[in-house]
Amino acid sequence: MRVVGLTGGIASGKSTFAALLRERGVPVVDADALARRVVQPGSPALARIAAEFGPRVLAADGGLDRKRLAARVFADPAARRALEAITHPAIRQAMREETRRLAAAGHELVLYDTPLLYEVGLDATLDCVVVVWAPREVQRERLMRRDGLAPADADARLAAQLPLDEKAARADFVVENADVPGALAAKADRLLADLRAGLGRRLPNAPPVRY
């Protein structure tokens, strides 16, 4: 079974594109959903987080208090690395288990939807990578409209991520999403046709396939 990475940037349209792929019968494993699963009450990862950061990061029901933990690690790189050392291996193990389940069910293609694909080095472990790309100004406008942000706040959120142009330059496939009505659905069809035809990792120094 081919496991293909799917990533993008904030307000690039990755989630919308992932939904289109699911509509076409292709499994899309959501890394954020796995991240929530591995820290459920009673999980080894949650126990390690509580031991590392103290019981105050737990909510009254015994689950993870995400807001309190986020406030703790946001401005502390060492704390963030300690958290990632706990959660990332657990998420990768959950991904391996999920792909084994999908392979046993007869699927030949699965996409792994994760915003931090390049940041955590997952590109080397996957068959190939698809990046959903939008011009920065389009991202900015979407962010301001969607989240009610001021221009400076939208710029700050964009600056906190690995630039989308850099992700696109490293990708094998780039899906351009600049608000053309109906375009993404056709691009989902074209991408799936190419993946099922065997297209994959691009040759060194070759440009990505763009849709």
N, C-alpha and C. Protein backbone atom coordinates (compact mmCIF):
# COMPACT_ATOMS: atom_id res chain seq x y z
N MET A 1 0.83 -1.19 0.00
CA MET A 1 0.00 0.00 0.00
C MET A 1 0.88 1.25 0.00
N ARG A 2 0.53 2.21 -0.85
CA ARG A 2 1.26 3.47 -0.91
C ARG A 2 0.74 4.42 0.17
N VAL A 3 1.66 4.99 0.93
CA VAL A 3 1.31 5.99 1.94
C VAL A 3 1.88 7.32 1.48
N VAL A 4 1.00 8.24 1.15
CA VAL A 4 1.37 9.52 0.55
C VAL A 4 1.12 10.63 1.55
N GLY A 5 2.09 11.51 1.76
CA GLY A 5 1.93 12.62 2.67
C GLY A 5 1.10 13.73 2.05
N LEU A 6 0.26 14.36 2.86
CA LEU A 6 -0.54 15.50 2.44
C LEU A 6 -0.33 16.62 3.44
N THR A 7 0.17 17.76 2.97
CA THR A 7 0.42 18.87 3.89
C THR A 7 0.14 20.19 3.18
N GLY A 8 0.33 21.26 3.89
CA GLY A 8 0.06 22.59 3.33
C GLY A 8 0.42 23.63 4.36
N GLY A 9 -0.28 24.74 4.35
CA GLY A 9 -0.06 25.79 5.33
C GLY A 9 -1.39 26.28 5.84
N ILE A 10 -1.35 27.15 6.82
CA ILE A 10 -2.58 27.69 7.38
C ILE A 10 -3.37 28.40 6.28
N ALA A 11 -4.65 28.06 6.17
CA ALA A 11 -5.56 28.66 5.19
C ALA A 11 -5.16 28.38 3.75
N SER A 12 -4.44 27.27 3.53
CA SER A 12 -4.09 26.91 2.15
C SER A 12 -5.20 26.09 1.48
N GLY A 13 -6.09 25.51 2.29
CA GLY A 13 -7.15 24.67 1.74
C GLY A 13 -6.89 23.19 1.86
N LYS A 14 -5.92 22.80 2.68
CA LYS A 14 -5.57 21.39 2.82
C LYS A 14 -6.75 20.56 3.32
N SER A 15 -7.46 21.06 4.31
CA SER A 15 -8.58 20.30 4.87
C SER A 15 -9.69 20.12 3.83
N THR A 16 -9.94 21.16 3.05
CA THR A 16 -10.95 21.06 1.99
C THR A 16 -10.54 20.02 0.97
N PHE A 17 -9.27 20.01 0.60
CA PHE A 17 -8.78 19.04 -0.38
C PHE A 17 -8.84 17.62 0.20
N ALA A 18 -8.49 17.47 1.46
CA ALA A 18 -8.57 16.15 2.09
C ALA A 18 -10.00 15.62 2.06
N ALA A 19 -10.97 16.50 2.29
CA ALA A 19 -12.38 16.08 2.25
C ALA A 19 -12.76 15.61 0.85
N LEU A 20 -12.25 16.26 -0.17
CA LEU A 20 -12.53 15.84 -1.55
C LEU A 20 -11.94 14.46 -1.84
N LEU A 21 -10.77 14.19 -1.30
CA LEU A 21 -10.17 12.87 -1.49
C LEU A 21 -11.00 11.79 -0.79
N ARG A 22 -11.46 12.09 0.41
CA ARG A 22 -12.31 11.13 1.13
C ARG A 22 -13.60 10.85 0.36
N GLU A 23 -14.18 11.90 -0.23
CA GLU A 23 -15.40 11.72 -1.01
C GLU A 23 -15.18 10.76 -2.17
N ARG A 24 -13.95 10.64 -2.62
CA ARG A 24 -13.61 9.75 -3.74
C ARG A 24 -13.17 8.37 -3.26
N GLY A 25 -13.41 8.09 -1.99
CA GLY A 25 -13.17 6.75 -1.46
C GLY A 25 -11.76 6.46 -1.02
N VAL A 26 -10.90 7.48 -0.94
CA VAL A 26 -9.51 7.27 -0.54
C VAL A 26 -9.37 7.56 0.95
N PRO A 27 -8.81 6.64 1.73
CA PRO A 27 -8.62 6.92 3.16
C PRO A 27 -7.63 8.07 3.36
N VAL A 28 -7.99 8.99 4.22
CA VAL A 28 -7.09 10.08 4.60
C VAL A 28 -6.97 10.03 6.13
N VAL A 29 -5.79 9.70 6.60
CA VAL A 29 -5.55 9.61 8.04
C VAL A 29 -5.14 10.99 8.54
N ASP A 30 -5.86 11.48 9.54
CA ASP A 30 -5.65 12.83 10.07
C ASP A 30 -4.69 12.77 11.25
N ALA A 31 -3.52 13.39 11.11
CA ALA A 31 -2.53 13.37 12.18
C ALA A 31 -3.06 14.06 13.44
N ASP A 32 -3.87 15.11 13.27
CA ASP A 32 -4.41 15.79 14.45
C ASP A 32 -5.35 14.87 15.22
N ALA A 33 -6.12 14.05 14.49
CA ALA A 33 -7.01 13.10 15.17
C ALA A 33 -6.19 12.05 15.92
N LEU A 34 -5.10 11.59 15.32
CA LEU A 34 -4.23 10.64 16.01
C LEU A 34 -3.62 11.27 17.25
N ALA A 35 -3.23 12.55 17.13
CA ALA A 35 -2.63 13.24 18.28
C ALA A 35 -3.61 13.31 19.44
N ARG A 36 -4.88 13.50 19.15
CA ARG A 36 -5.88 13.52 20.23
C ARG A 36 -6.07 12.11 20.79
N ARG A 37 -6.04 11.11 19.91
CA ARG A 37 -6.26 9.73 20.35
C ARG A 37 -5.18 9.25 21.32
N VAL A 38 -3.91 9.59 21.03
CA VAL A 38 -2.82 9.01 21.82
C VAL A 38 -2.70 9.63 23.21
N VAL A 39 -3.44 10.74 23.47
CA VAL A 39 -3.39 11.33 24.82
C VAL A 39 -4.74 11.22 25.53
N GLN A 40 -5.54 10.26 25.14
CA GLN A 40 -6.80 10.03 25.82
C GLN A 40 -6.54 9.58 27.26
N PRO A 41 -7.51 9.80 28.16
CA PRO A 41 -7.33 9.35 29.55
C PRO A 41 -6.95 7.87 29.62
N GLY A 42 -5.96 7.56 30.42
CA GLY A 42 -5.49 6.20 30.58
C GLY A 42 -4.37 5.82 29.64
N SER A 43 -4.03 6.69 28.69
CA SER A 43 -2.98 6.37 27.72
C SER A 43 -1.60 6.56 28.34
N PRO A 44 -0.60 5.76 27.89
CA PRO A 44 0.77 5.96 28.39
C PRO A 44 1.30 7.35 28.11
N ALA A 45 0.96 7.92 26.94
CA ALA A 45 1.46 9.25 26.61
C ALA A 45 0.94 10.30 27.57
N LEU A 46 -0.34 10.21 27.93
CA LEU A 46 -0.90 11.19 28.86
C LEU A 46 -0.23 11.05 30.24
N ALA A 47 0.03 9.84 30.67
CA ALA A 47 0.70 9.63 31.96
C ALA A 47 2.09 10.27 31.94
N ARG A 48 2.80 10.13 30.83
CA ARG A 48 4.13 10.72 30.72
C ARG A 48 4.06 12.25 30.69
N ILE A 49 3.04 12.79 30.03
CA ILE A 49 2.88 14.25 30.00
C ILE A 49 2.62 14.78 31.40
N ALA A 50 1.75 14.10 32.15
CA ALA A 50 1.46 14.53 33.52
C ALA A 50 2.70 14.45 34.40
N ALA A 51 3.51 13.41 34.19
CA ALA A 51 4.74 13.27 34.97
C ALA A 51 5.74 14.37 34.62
N GLU A 52 5.78 14.75 33.34
CA GLU A 52 6.74 15.76 32.88
C GLU A 52 6.32 17.17 33.27
N PHE A 53 5.02 17.48 33.13
CA PHE A 53 4.56 18.86 33.27
C PHE A 53 3.72 19.10 34.53
N GLY A 54 3.41 18.03 35.25
CA GLY A 54 2.66 18.19 36.48
C GLY A 54 1.17 18.00 36.29
N PRO A 55 0.44 17.69 37.36
CA PRO A 55 -0.99 17.40 37.27
C PRO A 55 -1.84 18.59 36.83
N ARG A 56 -1.30 19.79 36.85
CA ARG A 56 -2.09 20.97 36.45
C ARG A 56 -2.44 20.94 34.97
N VAL A 57 -1.73 20.13 34.16
CA VAL A 57 -2.07 20.07 32.74
C VAL A 57 -3.21 19.10 32.48
N LEU A 58 -3.76 18.50 33.55
CA LEU A 58 -4.91 17.61 33.41
C LEU A 58 -6.19 18.36 33.76
N ALA A 59 -7.24 18.08 33.00
CA ALA A 59 -8.55 18.67 33.27
C ALA A 59 -9.24 17.91 34.40
N ALA A 60 -10.37 18.43 34.83
CA ALA A 60 -11.08 17.81 35.95
C ALA A 60 -11.53 16.39 35.65
N ASP A 61 -11.79 16.08 34.36
CA ASP A 61 -12.23 14.74 34.00
C ASP A 61 -11.08 13.78 33.76
N GLY A 62 -9.85 14.22 34.01
CA GLY A 62 -8.68 13.36 33.82
C GLY A 62 -8.08 13.44 32.44
N GLY A 63 -8.71 14.17 31.54
CA GLY A 63 -8.16 14.35 30.21
C GLY A 63 -7.14 15.46 30.18
N LEU A 64 -6.58 15.69 29.02
CA LEU A 64 -5.55 16.70 28.86
C LEU A 64 -6.20 18.09 28.75
N ASP A 65 -5.69 19.03 29.51
CA ASP A 65 -6.11 20.42 29.40
C ASP A 65 -5.22 21.06 28.33
N ARG A 66 -5.69 21.04 27.10
CA ARG A 66 -4.86 21.46 25.97
C ARG A 66 -4.48 22.94 26.05
N LYS A 67 -5.39 23.77 26.48
CA LYS A 67 -5.09 25.20 26.55
C LYS A 67 -4.00 25.48 27.58
N ARG A 68 -4.08 24.84 28.72
CA ARG A 68 -3.07 25.05 29.76
C ARG A 68 -1.71 24.52 29.31
N LEU A 69 -1.71 23.34 28.66
CA LEU A 69 -0.44 22.79 28.18
C LEU A 69 0.14 23.67 27.07
N ALA A 70 -0.72 24.14 26.17
CA ALA A 70 -0.24 24.99 25.08
C ALA A 70 0.39 26.26 25.62
N ALA A 71 -0.24 26.84 26.65
CA ALA A 71 0.32 28.05 27.25
C ALA A 71 1.69 27.78 27.87
N ARG A 72 1.86 26.57 28.37
CA ARG A 72 3.13 26.20 29.01
C ARG A 72 4.24 26.04 27.97
N VAL A 73 3.95 25.44 26.84
CA VAL A 73 5.01 25.11 25.90
C VAL A 73 5.19 26.15 24.80
N PHE A 74 4.22 27.06 24.64
CA PHE A 74 4.25 27.99 23.51
C PHE A 74 5.53 28.83 23.49
N ALA A 75 5.88 29.38 24.63
CA ALA A 75 7.04 30.28 24.68
C ALA A 75 8.28 29.62 25.27
N ASP A 76 8.26 28.30 25.40
CA ASP A 76 9.39 27.59 26.02
C ASP A 76 9.84 26.47 25.08
N PRO A 77 10.86 26.72 24.26
CA PRO A 77 11.30 25.70 23.30
C PRO A 77 11.69 24.38 23.95
N ALA A 78 12.30 24.43 25.12
CA ALA A 78 12.70 23.20 25.80
C ALA A 78 11.48 22.38 26.21
N ALA A 79 10.45 23.06 26.71
CA ALA A 79 9.22 22.38 27.09
C ALA A 79 8.54 21.79 25.86
N ARG A 80 8.56 22.54 24.77
CA ARG A 80 7.94 22.03 23.53
C ARG A 80 8.67 20.78 23.04
N ARG A 81 9.99 20.79 23.11
CA ARG A 81 10.75 19.60 22.69
C ARG A 81 10.46 18.41 23.60
N ALA A 82 10.30 18.67 24.89
CA ALA A 82 9.98 17.58 25.81
C ALA A 82 8.61 16.99 25.49
N LEU A 83 7.66 17.85 25.17
CA LEU A 83 6.32 17.37 24.80
C LEU A 83 6.39 16.55 23.50
N GLU A 84 7.10 17.06 22.52
CA GLU A 84 7.20 16.36 21.24
C GLU A 84 7.89 15.01 21.39
N ALA A 85 8.85 14.92 22.30
CA ALA A 85 9.53 13.65 22.53
C ALA A 85 8.58 12.58 23.06
N ILE A 86 7.50 13.03 23.69
CA ILE A 86 6.48 12.10 24.19
C ILE A 86 5.45 11.80 23.11
N THR A 87 4.94 12.85 22.46
CA THR A 87 3.79 12.66 21.56
C THR A 87 4.18 12.15 20.18
N HIS A 88 5.27 12.61 19.62
CA HIS A 88 5.59 12.23 18.24
C HIS A 88 5.77 10.71 18.06
N PRO A 89 6.54 10.03 18.94
CA PRO A 89 6.64 8.57 18.78
C PRO A 89 5.28 7.87 18.91
N ALA A 90 4.44 8.36 19.82
CA ALA A 90 3.12 7.75 20.00
C ALA A 90 2.26 7.95 18.75
N ILE A 91 2.34 9.13 18.15
CA ILE A 91 1.56 9.40 16.94
C ILE A 91 2.06 8.53 15.79
N ARG A 92 3.37 8.39 15.67
CA ARG A 92 3.91 7.56 14.58
C ARG A 92 3.50 6.09 14.75
N GLN A 93 3.49 5.62 15.98
CA GLN A 93 3.04 4.25 16.21
C GLN A 93 1.57 4.10 15.87
N ALA A 94 0.76 5.08 16.22
CA ALA A 94 -0.67 5.03 15.87
C ALA A 94 -0.85 5.05 14.36
N MET A 95 -0.02 5.80 13.66
CA MET A 95 -0.08 5.84 12.19
C MET A 95 0.29 4.48 11.61
N ARG A 96 1.32 3.85 12.14
CA ARG A 96 1.69 2.52 11.64
C ARG A 96 0.55 1.53 11.84
N GLU A 97 -0.09 1.58 12.99
CA GLU A 97 -1.20 0.67 13.26
C GLU A 97 -2.37 0.94 12.31
N GLU A 98 -2.64 2.21 12.05
CA GLU A 98 -3.75 2.57 11.16
C GLU A 98 -3.46 2.14 9.72
N THR A 99 -2.23 2.31 9.27
CA THR A 99 -1.91 1.90 7.90
C THR A 99 -1.96 0.38 7.76
N ARG A 100 -1.54 -0.34 8.79
CA ARG A 100 -1.66 -1.81 8.74
C ARG A 100 -3.12 -2.22 8.65
N ARG A 101 -3.97 -1.53 9.39
CA ARG A 101 -5.41 -1.85 9.34
C ARG A 101 -5.98 -1.58 7.96
N LEU A 102 -5.61 -0.47 7.37
CA LEU A 102 -6.12 -0.12 6.04
C LEU A 102 -5.59 -1.06 4.97
N ALA A 103 -4.33 -1.46 5.10
CA ALA A 103 -3.77 -2.43 4.14
C ALA A 103 -4.49 -3.76 4.24
N ALA A 104 -4.77 -4.20 5.47
CA ALA A 104 -5.48 -5.47 5.66
C ALA A 104 -6.89 -5.40 5.10
N ALA A 105 -7.47 -4.19 5.05
CA ALA A 105 -8.81 -4.01 4.50
C ALA A 105 -8.80 -3.94 2.97
N GLY A 106 -7.62 -3.99 2.37
CA GLY A 106 -7.53 -4.04 0.92
C GLY A 106 -7.25 -2.72 0.23
N HIS A 107 -6.99 -1.66 0.98
CA HIS A 107 -6.70 -0.36 0.36
C HIS A 107 -5.29 -0.37 -0.22
N GLU A 108 -5.13 0.21 -1.39
CA GLU A 108 -3.82 0.29 -2.03
C GLU A 108 -3.21 1.68 -1.94
N LEU A 109 -3.98 2.66 -1.46
CA LEU A 109 -3.51 4.03 -1.37
C LEU A 109 -4.12 4.68 -0.14
N VAL A 110 -3.29 5.38 0.63
CA VAL A 110 -3.77 6.15 1.78
C VAL A 110 -2.97 7.44 1.84
N LEU A 111 -3.63 8.52 2.22
CA LEU A 111 -2.94 9.78 2.41
C LEU A 111 -2.87 10.10 3.89
N TYR A 112 -1.71 10.62 4.30
CA TYR A 112 -1.49 10.99 5.69
C TYR A 112 -1.46 12.50 5.78
N ASP A 113 -2.51 13.06 6.35
CA ASP A 113 -2.73 14.50 6.43
C ASP A 113 -2.09 15.04 7.69
N THR A 114 -0.99 15.80 7.53
CA THR A 114 -0.30 16.32 8.69
C THR A 114 0.29 17.69 8.39
N PRO A 115 0.01 18.69 9.22
CA PRO A 115 0.52 20.03 8.94
C PRO A 115 2.02 20.17 9.12
N LEU A 116 2.64 19.35 9.97
CA LEU A 116 4.06 19.48 10.29
C LEU A 116 4.91 18.41 9.63
N LEU A 117 4.52 17.99 8.45
CA LEU A 117 5.20 16.89 7.77
C LEU A 117 6.69 17.15 7.60
N TYR A 118 7.04 18.29 7.02
CA TYR A 118 8.45 18.59 6.81
C TYR A 118 9.15 18.96 8.11
N GLU A 119 8.43 19.64 8.99
CA GLU A 119 9.05 20.11 10.23
C GLU A 119 9.56 18.95 11.09
N VAL A 120 8.91 17.80 11.03
CA VAL A 120 9.33 16.66 11.86
C VAL A 120 10.01 15.57 11.05
N GLY A 121 10.32 15.85 9.78
CA GLY A 121 11.10 14.91 8.97
C GLY A 121 10.34 13.71 8.45
N LEU A 122 9.02 13.80 8.35
CA LEU A 122 8.24 12.65 7.88
C LEU A 122 8.38 12.40 6.39
N ASP A 123 8.82 13.40 5.63
CA ASP A 123 8.89 13.23 4.18
C ASP A 123 9.78 12.07 3.78
N ALA A 124 10.80 11.78 4.58
CA ALA A 124 11.71 10.68 4.24
C ALA A 124 11.08 9.31 4.45
N THR A 125 9.98 9.23 5.20
CA THR A 125 9.37 7.94 5.52
C THR A 125 8.17 7.62 4.64
N LEU A 126 7.78 8.55 3.78
CA LEU A 126 6.56 8.38 2.98
C LEU A 126 6.89 8.13 1.52
N ASP A 127 5.91 7.60 0.80
CA ASP A 127 6.11 7.28 -0.61
C ASP A 127 6.40 8.53 -1.43
N CYS A 128 5.64 9.59 -1.17
CA CYS A 128 5.83 10.88 -1.82
C CYS A 128 4.98 11.89 -1.05
N VAL A 129 5.06 13.17 -1.45
CA VAL A 129 4.40 14.23 -0.69
C VAL A 129 3.60 15.14 -1.62
N VAL A 130 2.38 15.45 -1.18
CA VAL A 130 1.50 16.40 -1.87
C VAL A 130 1.37 17.63 -0.99
N VAL A 131 1.60 18.81 -1.57
CA VAL A 131 1.42 20.07 -0.85
C VAL A 131 0.27 20.84 -1.48
N VAL A 132 -0.68 21.26 -0.66
CA VAL A 132 -1.75 22.15 -1.11
C VAL A 132 -1.25 23.58 -0.90
N TRP A 133 -1.16 24.32 -2.00
CA TRP A 133 -0.50 25.63 -2.00
C TRP A 133 -1.48 26.72 -2.39
N ALA A 134 -1.30 27.88 -1.79
CA ALA A 134 -2.03 29.09 -2.18
C ALA A 134 -1.07 30.26 -2.08
N PRO A 135 -1.25 31.29 -2.89
CA PRO A 135 -0.40 32.48 -2.75
C PRO A 135 -0.52 33.05 -1.34
N ARG A 136 0.56 33.64 -0.87
CA ARG A 136 0.56 34.17 0.50
C ARG A 136 -0.56 35.18 0.72
N GLU A 137 -0.81 36.04 -0.26
CA GLU A 137 -1.86 37.03 -0.08
C GLU A 137 -3.24 36.38 0.03
N VAL A 138 -3.42 35.26 -0.68
CA VAL A 138 -4.69 34.54 -0.56
C VAL A 138 -4.81 33.92 0.83
N GLN A 139 -3.73 33.31 1.31
CA GLN A 139 -3.73 32.80 2.68
C GLN A 139 -4.09 33.91 3.68
N ARG A 140 -3.46 35.04 3.52
CA ARG A 140 -3.66 36.17 4.43
C ARG A 140 -5.12 36.63 4.43
N GLU A 141 -5.68 36.77 3.25
CA GLU A 141 -7.07 37.22 3.15
C GLU A 141 -8.02 36.19 3.76
N ARG A 142 -7.77 34.91 3.50
CA ARG A 142 -8.61 33.86 4.08
C ARG A 142 -8.54 33.88 5.60
N LEU A 143 -7.33 34.03 6.13
CA LEU A 143 -7.15 34.06 7.58
C LEU A 143 -7.92 35.21 8.20
N MET A 144 -7.80 36.38 7.62
CA MET A 144 -8.48 37.55 8.18
C MET A 144 -10.00 37.37 8.11
N ARG A 145 -10.48 36.82 7.00
CA ARG A 145 -11.91 36.62 6.83
C ARG A 145 -12.43 35.51 7.73
N ARG A 146 -11.69 34.41 7.78
CA ARG A 146 -12.15 33.23 8.54
C ARG A 146 -12.11 33.44 10.04
N ASP A 147 -11.00 34.01 10.52
CA ASP A 147 -10.78 34.11 11.96
C ASP A 147 -10.97 35.51 12.51
N GLY A 148 -11.37 36.47 11.65
CA GLY A 148 -11.57 37.83 12.10
C GLY A 148 -10.30 38.51 12.58
N LEU A 149 -9.17 38.19 11.94
CA LEU A 149 -7.89 38.71 12.39
C LEU A 149 -7.56 40.05 11.75
N ALA A 150 -6.83 40.87 12.47
CA ALA A 150 -6.24 42.07 11.90
C ALA A 150 -5.09 41.66 10.99
N PRO A 151 -4.72 42.49 10.02
CA PRO A 151 -3.62 42.12 9.12
C PRO A 151 -2.33 41.74 9.84
N ALA A 152 -1.97 42.47 10.89
CA ALA A 152 -0.73 42.17 11.60
C ALA A 152 -0.80 40.80 12.28
N ASP A 153 -1.98 40.44 12.81
CA ASP A 153 -2.13 39.14 13.46
C ASP A 153 -2.07 38.01 12.43
N ALA A 154 -2.67 38.21 11.27
CA ALA A 154 -2.59 37.21 10.20
C ALA A 154 -1.15 37.03 9.76
N ASP A 155 -0.43 38.12 9.62
CA ASP A 155 0.98 38.03 9.22
C ASP A 155 1.80 37.27 10.25
N ALA A 156 1.50 37.49 11.53
CA ALA A 156 2.24 36.81 12.60
C ALA A 156 2.01 35.30 12.53
N ARG A 157 0.78 34.90 12.27
CA ARG A 157 0.49 33.46 12.18
C ARG A 157 1.19 32.84 10.98
N LEU A 158 1.21 33.55 9.88
CA LEU A 158 1.90 33.04 8.70
C LEU A 158 3.40 32.95 8.94
N ALA A 159 3.95 33.92 9.63
CA ALA A 159 5.39 33.94 9.89
C ALA A 159 5.82 32.83 10.84
N ALA A 160 4.88 32.31 11.63
CA ALA A 160 5.22 31.26 12.60
C ALA A 160 5.35 29.90 11.96
N GLN A 161 4.99 29.76 10.69
CA GLN A 161 5.04 28.47 10.00
C GLN A 161 6.18 28.44 8.99
N LEU A 162 6.61 27.23 8.65
CA LEU A 162 7.53 27.06 7.54
C LEU A 162 6.87 27.63 6.29
N PRO A 163 7.53 28.51 5.53
CA PRO A 163 6.87 29.14 4.38
C PRO A 163 6.30 28.11 3.41
N LEU A 164 5.10 28.38 2.95
CA LEU A 164 4.42 27.45 2.05
C LEU A 164 5.19 27.30 0.74
N ASP A 165 5.84 28.36 0.28
CA ASP A 165 6.63 28.24 -0.95
C ASP A 165 7.77 27.25 -0.77
N GLU A 166 8.35 27.20 0.42
CA GLU A 166 9.43 26.25 0.70
C GLU A 166 8.90 24.82 0.70
N LYS A 167 7.74 24.62 1.28
CA LYS A 167 7.14 23.29 1.26
C LYS A 167 6.85 22.85 -0.18
N ALA A 168 6.31 23.77 -0.98
CA ALA A 168 5.99 23.44 -2.37
C ALA A 168 7.25 23.08 -3.16
N ALA A 169 8.34 23.78 -2.89
CA ALA A 169 9.59 23.50 -3.61
C ALA A 169 10.13 22.11 -3.30
N ARG A 170 9.80 21.58 -2.12
CA ARG A 170 10.29 20.26 -1.72
C ARG A 170 9.32 19.13 -2.07
N ALA A 171 8.12 19.48 -2.50
CA ALA A 171 7.06 18.48 -2.71
C ALA A 171 7.26 17.72 -4.02
N ASP A 172 6.56 16.59 -4.12
CA ASP A 172 6.50 15.83 -5.37
C ASP A 172 5.32 16.27 -6.22
N PHE A 173 4.23 16.68 -5.55
CA PHE A 173 3.03 17.17 -6.22
C PHE A 173 2.57 18.43 -5.51
N VAL A 174 2.19 19.45 -6.28
CA VAL A 174 1.68 20.70 -5.71
C VAL A 174 0.29 20.95 -6.28
N VAL A 175 -0.68 21.10 -5.38
CA VAL A 175 -2.06 21.39 -5.77
C VAL A 175 -2.29 22.88 -5.50
N GLU A 176 -2.44 23.65 -6.55
CA GLU A 176 -2.64 25.09 -6.41
C GLU A 176 -4.10 25.38 -6.09
N ASN A 177 -4.31 26.22 -5.07
CA ASN A 177 -5.67 26.49 -4.61
C ASN A 177 -5.84 27.99 -4.39
N ALA A 178 -6.20 28.68 -5.45
CA ALA A 178 -6.32 30.14 -5.39
C ALA A 178 -7.76 30.60 -5.56
N ASP A 179 -8.69 29.85 -4.98
CA ASP A 179 -10.10 30.26 -4.95
C ASP A 179 -10.77 30.28 -6.32
N VAL A 180 -10.40 29.36 -7.19
CA VAL A 180 -11.11 29.21 -8.46
C VAL A 180 -12.25 28.21 -8.23
N PRO A 181 -13.51 28.62 -8.35
CA PRO A 181 -14.63 27.73 -8.03
C PRO A 181 -14.58 26.42 -8.81
N GLY A 182 -14.70 25.30 -8.09
CA GLY A 182 -14.75 23.99 -8.73
C GLY A 182 -13.41 23.42 -9.12
N ALA A 183 -12.34 24.20 -9.00
CA ALA A 183 -11.03 23.73 -9.50
C ALA A 183 -10.47 22.59 -8.65
N LEU A 184 -10.67 22.66 -7.34
CA LEU A 184 -10.06 21.65 -6.47
C LEU A 184 -10.59 20.25 -6.75
N ALA A 185 -11.87 20.13 -7.04
CA ALA A 185 -12.44 18.80 -7.29
C ALA A 185 -11.77 18.15 -8.50
N ALA A 186 -11.60 18.91 -9.58
CA ALA A 186 -10.94 18.37 -10.76
C ALA A 186 -9.49 18.02 -10.46
N LYS A 187 -8.84 18.82 -9.63
CA LYS A 187 -7.44 18.54 -9.29
C LYS A 187 -7.32 17.29 -8.42
N ALA A 188 -8.32 17.04 -7.57
CA ALA A 188 -8.32 15.81 -6.79
C ALA A 188 -8.40 14.59 -7.71
N ASP A 189 -9.24 14.68 -8.73
CA ASP A 189 -9.35 13.57 -9.69
C ASP A 189 -8.03 13.34 -10.42
N ARG A 190 -7.39 14.42 -10.84
CA ARG A 190 -6.14 14.29 -11.59
C ARG A 190 -5.03 13.72 -10.72
N LEU A 191 -4.94 14.20 -9.48
CA LEU A 191 -3.91 13.69 -8.57
C LEU A 191 -4.10 12.21 -8.33
N LEU A 192 -5.32 11.78 -8.03
CA LEU A 192 -5.57 10.37 -7.74
C LEU A 192 -5.28 9.50 -8.96
N ALA A 193 -5.61 9.99 -10.14
CA ALA A 193 -5.30 9.23 -11.35
C ALA A 193 -3.80 9.05 -11.49
N ASP A 194 -3.04 10.10 -11.22
CA ASP A 194 -1.58 10.00 -11.34
C ASP A 194 -1.00 9.08 -10.28
N LEU A 195 -1.49 9.17 -9.05
CA LEU A 195 -0.98 8.28 -7.99
C LEU A 195 -1.30 6.82 -8.31
N ARG A 196 -2.50 6.57 -8.80
CA ARG A 196 -2.88 5.19 -9.13
C ARG A 196 -2.13 4.68 -10.35
N ALA A 197 -1.65 5.60 -11.19
CA ALA A 197 -0.86 5.20 -12.36
C ALA A 197 0.60 4.95 -12.00
N GLY A 198 0.96 5.21 -10.75
CA GLY A 198 2.32 4.90 -10.31
C GLY A 198 3.25 6.08 -10.17
N LEU A 199 2.79 7.31 -10.47
CA LEU A 199 3.65 8.46 -10.27
C LEU A 199 3.96 8.62 -8.79
N GLY A 200 5.18 9.07 -8.50
CA GLY A 200 5.56 9.20 -7.11
C GLY A 200 6.70 10.16 -6.91
N ARG A 201 7.72 9.73 -6.20
CA ARG A 201 8.83 10.62 -5.85
C ARG A 201 9.49 11.18 -7.08
N ARG A 202 9.63 12.50 -7.12
CA ARG A 202 10.24 13.12 -8.29
C ARG A 202 11.75 12.90 -8.28
N LEU A 203 12.35 13.01 -9.44
CA LEU A 203 13.80 12.87 -9.55
C LEU A 203 14.49 14.07 -8.93
N PRO A 204 15.72 13.91 -8.44
CA PRO A 204 16.45 15.05 -7.87
C PRO A 204 16.54 16.19 -8.88
N ASN A 205 16.31 17.39 -8.38
CA ASN A 205 16.39 18.63 -9.18
C ASN A 205 15.26 18.79 -10.19
N ALA A 206 14.34 17.84 -10.24
CA ALA A 206 13.19 17.99 -11.12
C ALA A 206 12.10 18.80 -10.42
N PRO A 207 11.33 19.58 -11.15
CA PRO A 207 10.26 20.35 -10.49
C PRO A 207 9.12 19.42 -10.10
N PRO A 208 8.32 19.82 -9.11
CA PRO A 208 7.16 19.00 -8.75
C PRO A 208 6.10 19.03 -9.84
N VAL A 209 5.25 18.02 -9.83
CA VAL A 209 4.08 18.03 -10.70
C VAL A 209 3.08 19.01 -10.11
N ARG A 210 2.58 19.92 -10.90
CA ARG A 210 1.65 20.94 -10.41
C ARG A 210 0.29 20.77 -11.06
N TYR A 211 -0.75 21.02 -10.28
CA TYR A 211 -2.12 20.93 -10.78
C TYR A 211 -2.81 22.29 -10.61
